[in-house]
Amino acid sequence: MFLFTLIFCQQVLLSQQFYTDKGVIKFDGSKAAFEPIKASNNNTVSIIDSSTGQIAAVILISDFDFRLGLMQEHFNENYLESNVYPKSTFEGQIKNFSLKELNQDFKEHEIEGVLTIKGVNNDIITKAKIRKIDEKIELSSGFSVMLSDYKVKIPKIVFKKIDEEVKINLNFVYERKQ
């Protein structure tokens, strides 16, 4: 056990990790001609291991902020059930990631991983733009998810107002973890 702990600690110390706890995620579940159903979360935690390209994120569901309080209440209580499923997670790999090759110009990378919402895991493949400015890494991406893939049920009374395909955009600025 001691040997395993020693090896694990050495790997953590040798890895180059970048961290943020102020990642911004926005989603849009609106249908045209109806009231916008949009929210943002400015407190997403994420980490990149620059030596391996591994990436992970934790999103607290109750931190999504809506324009209208009633929308936020319904989102947390009825749709995402944040009292039962308080967080969403992502664990994945940035393909062909090399910290040495990053500069101030965005470079497109593919990210593959598993997104967990309401305890349901689904594979995600998306494109991300990544760049390095000074000692920070900036990552931005956009993709869509189907609510039914995560067992999010839309009541018939509002089915015409909420899009089954939700667009997600994220922008994270990572700093070297000390």
Foldseek 3Di string as FASTA:
>chain_A
DVVVVVVVVVVVVPWWKWKDQQKKKKKWFFDPPADTLIWMARGKIKMAGQVFQKIKIKAFLLRTDDPDPVSSVCCCVQFQVCVQVGIKMKIWGWPPHHPVPAAAFWDKTWIWTWIAGSNQTDIDIWIWTWHDDDQKIKIKTKDKDFSVSRPGDDDPVCVVTTHRIMIMIIIDIIHTDD
